[in-house]
Amino acid sequence: MLNSGSLPPVVDHVHVCENGSQLVELLPATNDENGGVIVDLKEAMEPAAFATLLGVSLAQWKRQGKKGVWIKLPIKLANLVETAVKEGFWYHHAEPHYLMLVYWIPETTSTIPANATHKVGIGAVVLKDGKEVLVVQEKSGIFQGTGVWKIPTGVVDEGEDIFMAAVREVKEETGIDTEFSAILAFGHSHKTFFDKSDLLFLCMMRPLSYDIQKQELEIEAAQWMPFEEYAAQPFNQKHGLLKRITDICSAKLQGDYLGFSPRPTTSFFSNKSSYLYSFNTRDLN
């Protein structure tokens, strides 16, 4: 499987002889660890010149037995997209500052991985004295104007760990400082935002402060509510996911459910600090 992540800087400086006389340099590329190449263009180029270089480069890479070809185009070189697409490249993914195009050379089934398909969200259950839960009413979204009280929710930012996102979202929406306790459950849904899939992590939090200062932009109201009152809301009783969440929280309050806590570790792929969520310590003991 090809990977467009960080790769060793093996630069291809091959020159190709065209028609026995003219020397044409290939597009600047690095060899990836899966038998393909990555073209990271930075300098401005006319579409005609790009088309010539791209055609010659593809021919040479095919002779070399290369597989996938990635072209990373910054926004300033967006004028080259049409040329690449006409050559057979397709969109793989886009970020704020660049577009990634890809091409499969062999006459076999492509093994190029699909673009990332998920976003990660959190729901934060903040319990005060085991009796009251922190809830909000939102100014926008599906709950706007419904009168439904819900737990703080949000999306995990790039490079942010799940438990840190839970602490941040609660602080942003309610002004309450919290300490992460455990992941109680997680869910997986499909065909949501832009037809992508969602991973939702239900996090149990301990409050470190109690004076609510709601966010004016997104939050209509916020309060501490008796958990029984929160769970008894008709919407919570009718909606399968919300009913399941309240059931899990009830089990947690009764001491019959412990959940998972983050354990510091190192990522196998990047060798960077990471976390593995496992049973709480008293479960291990």
C-alpha atoms as a PDB file:
ATOM      1  CA  MET A   1       0.000   0.000   0.000  1.00  0.00           C
ATOM      2  CA  LEU A   2       1.260   3.437  -0.880  1.00  0.00           C
ATOM      3  CA  ASN A   3       1.621   6.121   1.721  1.00  0.00           C
ATOM      4  CA  SER A   4       1.969   9.841   1.032  1.00  0.00           C
ATOM      5  CA  GLY A   5       3.327  10.640   4.476  1.00  0.00           C
ATOM      6  CA  SER A   6       6.910  11.509   5.411  1.00  0.00           C
ATOM      7  CA  LEU A   7       9.352   9.714   3.129  1.00  0.00           C
ATOM      8  CA  PRO A   8      13.129   9.478   2.654  1.00  0.00           C
ATOM      9  CA  PRO A   9      14.447  12.256   0.398  1.00  0.00           C
ATOM     10  CA  VAL A  10      15.652  10.094  -2.517  1.00  0.00           C
ATOM     11  CA  VAL A  11      15.685  12.630  -5.370  1.00  0.00           C
ATOM     12  CA  ASP A  12      15.352  11.417  -8.961  1.00  0.00           C
ATOM     13  CA  HIS A  13      17.689  13.455 -11.233  1.00  0.00           C
ATOM     14  CA  VAL A  14      17.399  11.178 -14.282  1.00  0.00           C
ATOM     15  CA  HIS A  15      17.570  12.808 -17.732  1.00  0.00           C
ATOM     16  CA  VAL A  16      15.733  11.204 -20.632  1.00  0.00           C
ATOM     17  CA  CYS A  17      16.897  11.389 -24.199  1.00  0.00           C
ATOM     18  CA  GLU A  18      14.029  12.269 -26.520  1.00  0.00           C
ATOM     19  CA  ASN A  19      14.291  11.682 -30.314  1.00  0.00           C
ATOM     20  CA  GLY A  20      17.955  10.851 -29.920  1.00  0.00           C
ATOM     21  CA  SER A  21      19.013  14.426 -29.237  1.00  0.00           C
ATOM     22  CA  GLN A  22      16.939  16.554 -26.890  1.00  0.00           C
ATOM     23  CA  LEU A  23      17.549  16.017 -23.167  1.00  0.00           C
ATOM     24  CA  VAL A  24      14.461  16.529 -21.002  1.00  0.00           C
ATOM     25  CA  GLU A  25      14.716  16.501 -17.226  1.00  0.00           C
ATOM     26  CA  LEU A  26      12.073  14.644 -15.247  1.00  0.00           C
ATOM     27  CA  LEU A  27       9.814  16.341 -12.763  1.00  0.00           C
ATOM     28  CA  PRO A  28      11.527  16.579  -9.349  1.00  0.00           C
ATOM     29  CA  ALA A  29      10.404  13.536  -7.369  1.00  0.00           C
ATOM     30  CA  THR A  30      11.226  11.421  -4.340  1.00  0.00           C
ATOM     31  CA  ASN A  31      10.924   7.645  -4.277  1.00  0.00           C
ATOM     32  CA  ASP A  32       8.445   6.410  -1.719  1.00  0.00           C
ATOM     33  CA  GLU A  33       8.903   3.205   0.246  1.00  0.00           C
ATOM     34  CA  ASN A  34       6.145   1.414  -1.656  1.00  0.00           C
ATOM     35  CA  GLY A  35       7.541   1.543  -5.171  1.00  0.00           C
ATOM     36  CA  GLY A  36       6.061   4.850  -6.232  1.00  0.00           C
ATOM     37  CA  VAL A  37       7.169   8.466  -6.511  1.00  0.00           C
ATOM     38  CA  ILE A  38       6.029  11.763  -5.026  1.00  0.00           C
ATOM     39  CA  VAL A  39       6.248  15.000  -7.008  1.00  0.00           C
ATOM     40  CA  ASP A  40       6.241  18.023  -4.708  1.00  0.00           C
ATOM     41  CA  LEU A  41       6.019  21.049  -7.012  1.00  0.00           C
ATOM     42  CA  LYS A  42       6.899  24.440  -5.571  1.00  0.00           C
ATOM     43  CA  GLU A  43       7.970  26.651  -8.465  1.00  0.00           C
ATOM     44  CA  ALA A  44       5.607  28.260 -10.984  1.00  0.00           C
ATOM     45  CA  MET A  45       5.376  26.477 -14.350  1.00  0.00           C
ATOM     46  CA  GLU A  46       3.426  26.991 -17.568  1.00  0.00           C
ATOM     47  CA  PRO A  47       0.837  24.260 -18.268  1.00  0.00           C
ATOM     48  CA  ALA A  48       2.458  23.417 -21.619  1.00  0.00           C
ATOM     49  CA  ALA A  49       5.867  22.901 -20.051  1.00  0.00           C
ATOM     50  CA  PHE A  50       4.302  20.893 -17.233  1.00  0.00           C
ATOM     51  CA  ALA A  51       2.466  18.674 -19.714  1.00  0.00           C
ATOM     52  CA  THR A  52       5.731  17.899 -21.536  1.00  0.00           C
ATOM     53  CA  LEU A  53       7.624  17.098 -18.342  1.00  0.00           C
ATOM     54  CA  LEU A  54       4.740  15.046 -16.958  1.00  0.00           C
ATOM     55  CA  GLY A  55       4.421  12.917 -20.102  1.00  0.00           C
ATOM     56  CA  VAL A  56       8.155  12.227 -20.267  1.00  0.00           C
ATOM     57  CA  SER A  57       8.331  11.531 -16.528  1.00  0.00           C
ATOM     58  CA  LEU A  58       5.456   9.046 -16.608  1.00  0.00           C
ATOM     59  CA  ALA A  59       7.057   7.207 -19.512  1.00  0.00           C
ATOM     60  CA  GLN A  60      10.369   6.955 -17.647  1.00  0.00           C
ATOM     61  CA  TRP A  61       8.739   5.908 -14.362  1.00  0.00           C
ATOM     62  CA  LYS A  62       6.806   3.213 -16.223  1.00  0.00           C
ATOM     63  CA  ARG A  63      10.068   1.866 -17.670  1.00  0.00           C
ATOM     64  CA  GLN A  64      11.519   1.896 -14.151  1.00  0.00           C
ATOM     65  CA  GLY A  65       8.616  -0.201 -12.866  1.00  0.00           C
ATOM     66  CA  LYS A  66       7.203   2.512 -10.606  1.00  0.00           C
ATOM     67  CA  LYS A  67       3.652   2.127  -9.321  1.00  0.00           C
ATOM     68  CA  GLY A  68       1.798   5.078  -7.838  1.00  0.00           C
ATOM     69  CA  VAL A  69       2.618   8.685  -8.700  1.00  0.00           C
ATOM     70  CA  TRP A  70       1.599  11.434  -6.281  1.00  0.00           C
ATOM     71  CA  ILE A  71       1.606  15.093  -7.321  1.00  0.00           C
ATOM     72  CA  LYS A  72       1.334  17.678  -4.557  1.00  0.00           C
ATOM     73  CA  LEU A  73       0.148  20.990  -5.989  1.00  0.00           C
ATOM     74  CA  PRO A  74       0.125  24.108  -3.787  1.00  0.00           C
ATOM     75  CA  ILE A  75      -2.739  26.546  -4.346  1.00  0.00           C
ATOM     76  CA  LYS A  76      -0.508  28.887  -6.340  1.00  0.00           C
ATOM     77  CA  LEU A  77      -0.056  26.126  -8.948  1.00  0.00           C
ATOM     78  CA  ALA A  78      -3.763  25.332  -9.299  1.00  0.00           C
ATOM     79  CA  ASN A  79      -3.465  26.171 -13.017  1.00  0.00           C
ATOM     80  CA  LEU A  80      -1.721  22.798 -13.498  1.00  0.00           C
ATOM     81  CA  VAL A  81      -4.627  20.694 -12.202  1.00  0.00           C
ATOM     82  CA  GLU A  82      -6.389  20.430 -15.574  1.00  0.00           C
ATOM     83  CA  THR A  83      -3.187  19.256 -17.274  1.00  0.00           C
ATOM     84  CA  ALA A  84      -2.660  16.494 -14.727  1.00  0.00           C
ATOM     85  CA  VAL A  85      -6.300  15.365 -14.896  1.00  0.00           C
ATOM     86  CA  LYS A  86      -6.117  15.146 -18.707  1.00  0.00           C
ATOM     87  CA  GLU A  87      -3.079  12.888 -18.275  1.00  0.00           C
ATOM     88  CA  GLY A  88      -5.159  10.506 -16.135  1.00  0.00           C
ATOM     89  CA  PHE A  89      -4.544  11.755 -12.599  1.00  0.00           C
ATOM     90  CA  TRP A  90      -7.423  11.934 -10.126  1.00  0.00           C
ATOM     91  CA  TYR A  91      -8.033  13.866  -6.917  1.00  0.00           C
ATOM     92  CA  HIS A  92      -6.950  12.077  -3.764  1.00  0.00           C
ATOM     93  CA  HIS A  93      -7.342  14.722  -1.049  1.00  0.00           C
ATOM     94  CA  ALA A  94      -7.136  18.440  -0.424  1.00  0.00           C
ATOM     95  CA  GLU A  95      -5.842  20.504   2.482  1.00  0.00           C
ATOM     96  CA  PRO A  96      -6.041  24.270   3.067  1.00  0.00           C
ATOM     97  CA  HIS A  97      -2.815  24.930   1.148  1.00  0.00           C
ATOM     98  CA  TYR A  98      -2.484  22.115  -1.402  1.00  0.00           C
ATOM     99  CA  LEU A  99      -4.235  19.507  -3.536  1.00  0.00           C
ATOM    100  CA  MET A 100      -2.940  15.946  -3.870  1.00  0.00           C
ATOM    101  CA  LEU A 101      -3.389  14.153  -7.217  1.00  0.00           C
ATOM    102  CA  VAL A 102      -2.529  10.531  -7.852  1.00  0.00           C
ATOM    103  CA  TYR A 103      -1.972   8.154 -10.795  1.00  0.00           C
ATOM    104  CA  TRP A 104      -1.563   4.361 -10.942  1.00  0.00           C
ATOM    105  CA  ILE A 105       0.915   3.196 -13.596  1.00  0.00           C
ATOM    106  CA  PRO A 106       0.712  -0.651 -13.682  1.00  0.00           C
ATOM    107  CA  GLU A 107      -2.095  -2.398 -15.560  1.00  0.00           C
ATOM    108  CA  THR A 108      -3.218  -3.998 -12.331  1.00  0.00           C
ATOM    109  CA  THR A 109      -5.709  -3.118  -9.597  1.00  0.00           C
ATOM    110  CA  SER A 110      -4.605   0.028  -7.799  1.00  0.00           C
ATOM    111  CA  THR A 111      -3.442  -0.395  -4.199  1.00  0.00           C
ATOM    112  CA  ILE A 112      -3.421   3.338  -3.500  1.00  0.00           C
ATOM    113  CA  PRO A 113      -5.210   3.896  -0.157  1.00  0.00           C
ATOM    114  CA  ALA A 114      -8.370   5.961  -0.114  1.00  0.00           C
ATOM    115  CA  ASN A 115      -8.426   9.390   1.463  1.00  0.00           C
ATOM    116  CA  ALA A 116      -9.109   9.587   5.200  1.00  0.00           C
ATOM    117  CA  THR A 117     -12.809   8.927   5.701  1.00  0.00           C
ATOM    118  CA  HIS A 118     -13.509   9.811   9.332  1.00  0.00           C
ATOM    119  CA  LYS A 119     -13.812  12.701  11.678  1.00  0.00           C
ATOM    120  CA  VAL A 120     -13.546  12.182  15.433  1.00  0.00           C
ATOM    121  CA  GLY A 121     -15.948  13.754  17.907  1.00  0.00           C
ATOM    122  CA  ILE A 122     -16.417  13.715  21.677  1.00  0.00           C
ATOM    123  CA  GLY A 123     -19.338  13.919  24.055  1.00  0.00           C
ATOM    124  CA  ALA A 124     -18.446  15.036  27.593  1.00  0.00           C
ATOM    125  CA  VAL A 125     -20.342  13.789  30.634  1.00  0.00           C
ATOM    126  CA  VAL A 126     -19.395  16.125  33.503  1.00  0.00           C
ATOM    127  CA  LEU A 127     -20.858  15.006  36.835  1.00  0.00           C
ATOM    128  CA  LYS A 128     -20.902  17.144  39.983  1.00  0.00           C
ATOM    129  CA  ASP A 129     -21.035  15.173  43.245  1.00  0.00           C
ATOM    130  CA  GLY A 130     -22.354  12.223  41.271  1.00  0.00           C
ATOM    131  CA  LYS A 131     -25.777  13.864  41.131  1.00  0.00           C
ATOM    132  CA  GLU A 132     -25.806  16.720  38.636  1.00  0.00           C
ATOM    133  CA  VAL A 133     -24.677  16.705  35.011  1.00  0.00           C
ATOM    134  CA  LEU A 134     -23.443  19.684  33.013  1.00  0.00           C
ATOM    135  CA  VAL A 135     -25.816  20.329  30.092  1.00  0.00           C
ATOM    136  CA  VAL A 136     -26.230  22.923  27.347  1.00  0.00           C
ATOM    137  CA  GLN A 137     -28.750  24.134  24.790  1.00  0.00           C
ATOM    138  CA  GLU A 138     -27.300  25.031  21.398  1.00  0.00           C
ATOM    139  CA  LYS A 139     -28.001  28.060  19.207  1.00  0.00           C
ATOM    140  CA  SER A 140     -27.534  26.125  15.961  1.00  0.00           C
ATOM    141  CA  GLY A 141     -27.664  22.606  14.570  1.00  0.00           C
ATOM    142  CA  ILE A 142     -30.331  19.924  14.903  1.00  0.00           C
ATOM    143  CA  PHE A 143     -31.074  20.815  18.539  1.00  0.00           C
ATOM    144  CA  GLN A 144     -31.652  24.519  17.896  1.00  0.00           C
ATOM    145  CA  GLY A 145     -34.993  25.664  19.271  1.00  0.00           C
ATOM    146  CA  THR A 146     -35.986  22.196  20.517  1.00  0.00           C
ATOM    147  CA  GLY A 147     -35.538  22.904  24.220  1.00  0.00           C
ATOM    148  CA  VAL A 148     -33.431  19.757  24.524  1.00  0.00           C
ATOM    149  CA  TRP A 149     -30.650  19.806  27.113  1.00  0.00           C
ATOM    150  CA  LYS A 150     -27.577  17.885  25.922  1.00  0.00           C
ATOM    151  CA  ILE A 151     -24.048  17.186  27.066  1.00  0.00           C
ATOM    152  CA  PRO A 152     -21.213  19.308  25.581  1.00  0.00           C
ATOM    153  CA  THR A 153     -19.965  17.880  22.289  1.00  0.00           C
ATOM    154  CA  GLY A 154     -17.378  18.807  19.680  1.00  0.00           C
ATOM    155  CA  VAL A 155     -14.811  17.708  17.120  1.00  0.00           C
ATOM    156  CA  VAL A 156     -11.240  16.675  17.903  1.00  0.00           C
ATOM    157  CA  ASP A 157      -8.740  19.091  16.328  1.00  0.00           C
ATOM    158  CA  GLU A 158      -5.829  17.945  14.175  1.00  0.00           C
ATOM    159  CA  GLY A 159      -2.999  16.687  16.386  1.00  0.00           C
ATOM    160  CA  GLU A 160      -5.204  16.724  19.493  1.00  0.00           C
ATOM    161  CA  ASP A 161      -5.744  13.700  21.729  1.00  0.00           C
ATOM    162  CA  ILE A 162      -9.283  12.617  22.530  1.00  0.00           C
ATOM    163  CA  PHE A 163      -9.165  13.368  26.249  1.00  0.00           C
ATOM    164  CA  MET A 164      -7.608  16.785  25.637  1.00  0.00           C
ATOM    165  CA  ALA A 165     -10.386  17.598  23.162  1.00  0.00           C
ATOM    166  CA  ALA A 166     -12.994  16.752  25.813  1.00  0.00           C
ATOM    167  CA  VAL A 167     -11.368  19.132  28.314  1.00  0.00           C
ATOM    168  CA  ARG A 168     -11.159  21.896  25.685  1.00  0.00           C
ATOM    169  CA  GLU A 169     -14.725  21.559  24.426  1.00  0.00           C
ATOM    170  CA  VAL A 170     -16.236  21.699  27.920  1.00  0.00           C
ATOM    171  CA  LYS A 171     -14.161  24.774  28.718  1.00  0.00           C
ATOM    172  CA  GLU A 172     -15.103  26.503  25.459  1.00  0.00           C
ATOM    173  CA  GLU A 173     -18.843  25.855  25.760  1.00  0.00           C
ATOM    174  CA  THR A 174     -19.375  26.332  29.498  1.00  0.00           C
ATOM    175  CA  GLY A 175     -16.259  27.865  31.054  1.00  0.00           C
ATOM    176  CA  ILE A 176     -15.965  24.830  33.358  1.00  0.00           C
ATOM    177  CA  ASP A 177     -12.505  23.370  33.995  1.00  0.00           C
ATOM    178  CA  THR A 178     -12.469  19.583  34.002  1.00  0.00           C
ATOM    179  CA  GLU A 179     -10.233  16.572  34.423  1.00  0.00           C
ATOM    180  CA  PHE A 180     -10.628  13.575  32.145  1.00  0.00           C
ATOM    181  CA  SER A 181     -11.713  10.401  33.917  1.00  0.00           C
ATOM    182  CA  ALA A 182     -12.487   7.713  31.333  1.00  0.00           C
ATOM    183  CA  ILE A 183     -13.878   6.846  27.943  1.00  0.00           C
ATOM    184  CA  LEU A 184     -17.199   5.200  28.670  1.00  0.00           C
ATOM    185  CA  ALA A 185     -18.044   4.107  25.126  1.00  0.00           C
ATOM    186  CA  PHE A 186     -17.525   4.944  21.481  1.00  0.00           C
ATOM    187  CA  GLY A 187     -19.731   4.784  18.410  1.00  0.00           C
ATOM    188  CA  HIS A 188     -19.203   4.545  14.645  1.00  0.00           C
ATOM    189  CA  SER A 189     -21.661   6.026  12.139  1.00  0.00           C
ATOM    190  CA  HIS A 190     -21.471   6.396   8.362  1.00  0.00           C
ATOM    191  CA  LYS A 191     -22.527   8.782   5.573  1.00  0.00           C
ATOM    192  CA  THR A 192     -22.659  11.891   7.762  1.00  0.00           C
ATOM    193  CA  PHE A 193     -20.724  15.137   7.192  1.00  0.00           C
ATOM    194  CA  PHE A 194     -19.714  15.269   3.467  1.00  0.00           C
ATOM    195  CA  ASP A 195     -20.631  11.560   3.271  1.00  0.00           C
ATOM    196  CA  LYS A 196     -17.777  10.710   5.632  1.00  0.00           C
ATOM    197  CA  SER A 197     -17.954   8.530   8.736  1.00  0.00           C
ATOM    198  CA  ASP A 198     -17.945   9.625  12.364  1.00  0.00           C
ATOM    199  CA  LEU A 199     -16.238   8.197  15.420  1.00  0.00           C
ATOM    200  CA  LEU A 200     -17.815   9.508  18.639  1.00  0.00           C
ATOM    201  CA  PHE A 201     -16.140   8.995  22.026  1.00  0.00           C
ATOM    202  CA  LEU A 202     -18.227   9.387  25.182  1.00  0.00           C
ATOM    203  CA  CYS A 203     -15.950  10.817  27.883  1.00  0.00           C
ATOM    204  CA  MET A 204     -16.520  10.955  31.636  1.00  0.00           C
ATOM    205  CA  MET A 205     -15.130  14.148  33.193  1.00  0.00           C
ATOM    206  CA  ARG A 206     -14.572  15.437  36.733  1.00  0.00           C
ATOM    207  CA  PRO A 207     -15.315  19.138  37.290  1.00  0.00           C
ATOM    208  CA  LEU A 208     -12.529  21.299  38.724  1.00  0.00           C
ATOM    209  CA  SER A 209     -14.707  24.427  38.795  1.00  0.00           C
ATOM    210  CA  TYR A 210     -18.451  24.998  39.027  1.00  0.00           C
ATOM    211  CA  ASP A 211     -19.223  28.582  37.950  1.00  0.00           C
ATOM    212  CA  ILE A 212     -20.709  28.384  34.453  1.00  0.00           C
ATOM    213  CA  GLN A 213     -19.757  31.011  31.873  1.00  0.00           C
ATOM    214  CA  LYS A 214     -21.421  29.920  28.640  1.00  0.00           C
ATOM    215  CA  GLN A 215     -20.038  30.613  25.198  1.00  0.00           C
ATOM    216  CA  GLU A 216     -22.176  33.322  23.607  1.00  0.00           C
ATOM    217  CA  LEU A 217     -21.551  32.359  19.977  1.00  0.00           C
ATOM    218  CA  GLU A 218     -22.855  28.767  20.007  1.00  0.00           C
ATOM    219  CA  ILE A 219     -24.526  28.120  23.372  1.00  0.00           C
ATOM    220  CA  GLU A 220     -28.043  29.359  24.208  1.00  0.00           C
ATOM    221  CA  ALA A 221     -27.983  28.196  27.835  1.00  0.00           C
ATOM    222  CA  ALA A 222     -25.955  26.011  30.213  1.00  0.00           C
ATOM    223  CA  GLN A 223     -26.651  24.643  33.674  1.00  0.00           C
ATOM    224  CA  TRP A 224     -26.078  21.892  36.200  1.00  0.00           C
ATOM    225  CA  MET A 225     -29.095  19.559  36.006  1.00  0.00           C
ATOM    226  CA  PRO A 226     -30.040  16.581  38.200  1.00  0.00           C
ATOM    227  CA  PHE A 227     -29.017  13.529  36.235  1.00  0.00           C
ATOM    228  CA  GLU A 228     -32.439  11.904  36.610  1.00  0.00           C
ATOM    229  CA  GLU A 229     -34.063  14.997  35.060  1.00  0.00           C
ATOM    230  CA  TYR A 230     -31.591  14.984  32.173  1.00  0.00           C
ATOM    231  CA  ALA A 231     -32.147  11.267  31.502  1.00  0.00           C
ATOM    232  CA  ALA A 232     -35.939  11.612  31.697  1.00  0.00           C
ATOM    233  CA  GLN A 233     -36.186  14.123  28.833  1.00  0.00           C
ATOM    234  CA  PRO A 234     -38.620  12.670  26.246  1.00  0.00           C
ATOM    235  CA  PHE A 235     -36.075  13.148  23.454  1.00  0.00           C
ATOM    236  CA  ASN A 236     -33.461  11.150  25.395  1.00  0.00           C
ATOM    237  CA  GLN A 237     -35.952   8.349  26.025  1.00  0.00           C
ATOM    238  CA  LYS A 238     -37.016   8.106  22.375  1.00  0.00           C
ATOM    239  CA  HIS A 239     -33.657   8.467  20.608  1.00  0.00           C
ATOM    240  CA  GLY A 240     -31.729   5.183  20.630  1.00  0.00           C
ATOM    241  CA  LEU A 241     -28.236   6.683  20.882  1.00  0.00           C
ATOM    242  CA  LEU A 242     -29.130   9.166  23.632  1.00  0.00           C
ATOM    243  CA  LYS A 243     -31.012   6.466  25.572  1.00  0.00           C
ATOM    244  CA  ARG A 244     -27.952   4.238  25.378  1.00  0.00           C
ATOM    245  CA  ILE A 245     -25.738   7.104  26.621  1.00  0.00           C
ATOM    246  CA  THR A 246     -27.960   7.726  29.646  1.00  0.00           C
ATOM    247  CA  ASP A 247     -28.010   3.998  30.432  1.00  0.00           C
ATOM    248  CA  ILE A 248     -24.211   3.844  30.362  1.00  0.00           C
ATOM    249  CA  CYS A 249     -23.949   6.935  32.569  1.00  0.00           C
ATOM    250  CA  SER A 250     -26.412   5.394  35.046  1.00  0.00           C
ATOM    251  CA  ALA A 251     -24.285   2.260  35.221  1.00  0.00           C
ATOM    252  CA  LYS A 252     -21.218   4.418  35.816  1.00  0.00           C
ATOM    253  CA  LEU A 253     -22.960   6.267  38.677  1.00  0.00           C
ATOM    254  CA  GLN A 254     -23.899   2.970  40.279  1.00  0.00           C
ATOM    255  CA  GLY A 255     -20.295   1.768  40.157  1.00  0.00           C
ATOM    256  CA  ASP A 256     -21.035  -1.074  37.752  1.00  0.00           C
ATOM    257  CA  TYR A 257     -19.140   0.396  34.816  1.00  0.00           C
ATOM    258  CA  LEU A 258     -15.587   1.723  34.753  1.00  0.00           C
ATOM    259  CA  GLY A 259     -14.578   2.511  31.182  1.00  0.00           C
ATOM    260  CA  PHE A 260     -11.147   3.137  29.664  1.00  0.00           C
ATOM    261  CA  SER A 261      -8.328   5.517  30.559  1.00  0.00           C
ATOM    262  CA  PRO A 262      -5.391   6.764  28.414  1.00  0.00           C
ATOM    263  CA  ARG A 263      -2.008   5.089  28.881  1.00  0.00           C
ATOM    264  CA  PRO A 264       1.071   6.900  27.494  1.00  0.00           C
ATOM    265  CA  THR A 265       2.766   4.983  24.691  1.00  0.00           C
ATOM    266  CA  THR A 266       4.580   5.521  21.388  1.00  0.00           C
ATOM    267  CA  SER A 267       3.019   5.339  17.942  1.00  0.00           C
ATOM    268  CA  PHE A 268       4.231   2.335  15.942  1.00  0.00           C
ATOM    269  CA  PHE A 269       4.182   4.319  12.689  1.00  0.00           C
ATOM    270  CA  SER A 270       5.654   7.697  13.661  1.00  0.00           C
ATOM    271  CA  ASN A 271       7.549   6.887  16.883  1.00  0.00           C
ATOM    272  CA  LYS A 272       5.807   9.896  18.458  1.00  0.00           C
ATOM    273  CA  SER A 273       4.119  10.072  21.842  1.00  0.00           C
ATOM    274  CA  SER A 274       0.613   8.664  21.779  1.00  0.00           C
ATOM    275  CA  TYR A 275      -2.014   7.068  24.026  1.00  0.00           C
ATOM    276  CA  LEU A 276      -3.610   3.643  24.252  1.00  0.00           C
ATOM    277  CA  TYR A 277      -6.970   3.499  26.021  1.00  0.00           C
ATOM    278  CA  SER A 278      -7.377   0.494  28.313  1.00  0.00           C
ATOM    279  CA  PHE A 279      -9.374  -0.558  31.369  1.00  0.00           C
ATOM    280  CA  ASN A 280      -9.022   1.672  34.396  1.00  0.00           C
ATOM    281  CA  THR A 281      -6.279   0.816  36.885  1.00  0.00           C
ATOM    282  CA  ARG A 282      -8.553  -0.874  39.394  1.00  0.00           C
ATOM    283  CA  ASP A 283      -9.730  -3.212  36.639  1.00  0.00           C
ATOM    284  CA  LEU A 284      -6.108  -4.178  35.965  1.00  0.00           C
ATOM    285  CA  ASN A 285      -5.533  -4.712  39.662  1.00  0.00           C
END
